[in-house]
Protein backbone atom coordinates (compact mmCIF):
# COMPACT_ATOMS: atom_id res chain seq x y z
CA MET A 1 -41.13 -2.14 18.59
CA GLY A 2 -41.11 -1.74 15.10
CA THR A 3 -39.08 1.46 15.43
CA LEU A 4 -36.50 -0.34 17.53
CA PHE A 5 -36.13 -2.62 15.16
CA LEU A 6 -35.42 -0.37 12.50
CA GLY A 7 -33.42 2.33 14.19
CA ILE A 8 -30.91 -1.32 14.90
CA GLY A 9 -31.24 -2.12 11.01
CA LEU A 10 -30.05 1.01 10.04
CA VAL A 11 -26.93 0.98 12.33
CA LEU A 12 -26.87 -2.68 10.71
CA ILE A 13 -26.84 -1.25 7.84
CA ILE A 14 -24.13 1.34 8.16
CA GLU A 15 -21.61 -0.86 9.85
CA GLY A 16 -22.37 -3.54 7.02
CA LEU A 17 -20.55 -1.03 4.09
CA VAL A 18 -17.96 0.55 6.15
CA PHE A 19 -17.08 -2.82 6.40
CA ALA A 20 -17.77 -3.88 2.59
CA LEU A 21 -16.26 -0.17 1.10
CA ALA A 22 -12.56 -0.15 2.74
CA PRO A 23 -11.76 -2.56 5.02
CA SER A 24 -8.43 -1.33 4.86
CA ARG A 25 -9.45 2.23 6.02
CA LEU A 26 -11.07 0.23 9.46
CA GLU A 27 -7.91 -0.52 9.77
CA GLU A 28 -6.37 2.22 9.81
CA VAL A 29 -9.01 4.67 11.93
CA LEU A 30 -9.44 1.73 14.68
CA GLU A 31 -5.14 2.11 14.50
CA MET A 32 -5.92 6.02 15.04
CA LEU A 33 -8.52 5.08 17.88
CA ARG A 34 -5.71 3.06 20.04
CA GLN A 35 -3.90 5.63 19.82
CA LEU A 36 -5.97 7.84 21.21
CA PRO A 37 -5.74 9.04 25.23
CA VAL A 38 -9.19 6.93 27.12
CA GLU A 39 -10.61 10.71 28.37
CA ALA A 40 -10.54 11.37 24.70
CA ARG A 41 -12.10 8.65 23.21
CA ARG A 42 -14.67 8.83 26.35
CA LEU A 43 -15.47 12.05 24.68
CA ILE A 44 -16.00 11.10 21.60
CA GLY A 45 -18.12 7.99 22.60
CA LEU A 46 -20.12 10.76 24.54
CA GLY A 47 -20.62 13.91 21.77
CA ALA A 48 -21.86 10.58 19.86
CA VAL A 49 -24.44 9.60 22.32
CA THR A 50 -24.93 13.15 22.94
CA LEU A 51 -25.61 13.72 19.15
CA GLY A 52 -28.06 9.96 19.04
CA LEU A 53 -29.75 11.69 21.61
CA ILE A 54 -30.28 15.45 19.39
CA PHE A 55 -31.22 13.55 16.41
CA LEU A 56 -33.83 10.92 18.30
CA TRP A 57 -35.54 14.14 19.81
CA VAL A 58 -35.85 15.94 16.90
CA ALA A 59 -36.96 13.26 14.41
CA ALA A 60 -39.86 12.94 17.22
CA ASN A 61 -40.93 16.07 17.42
CA ALA A 62 -41.26 16.43 13.94
CA GLY A 63 -42.72 14.11 13.11
CA LEU A 64 -40.59 11.46 11.34
């Protein structure tokens, strides 16, 4: 359970930093995402999930 809270906490810190340090850049990125076709956004999402799973697998097998 502690690992779950650690993961959620890290996501909130990273996303909070984006909003705090570059809010105008975030608006530009969101506008770019709006212009992408749905299929491209879906592939980006699937790529992020895959990368996240790889990170979790490496962390679990490296004893981190």
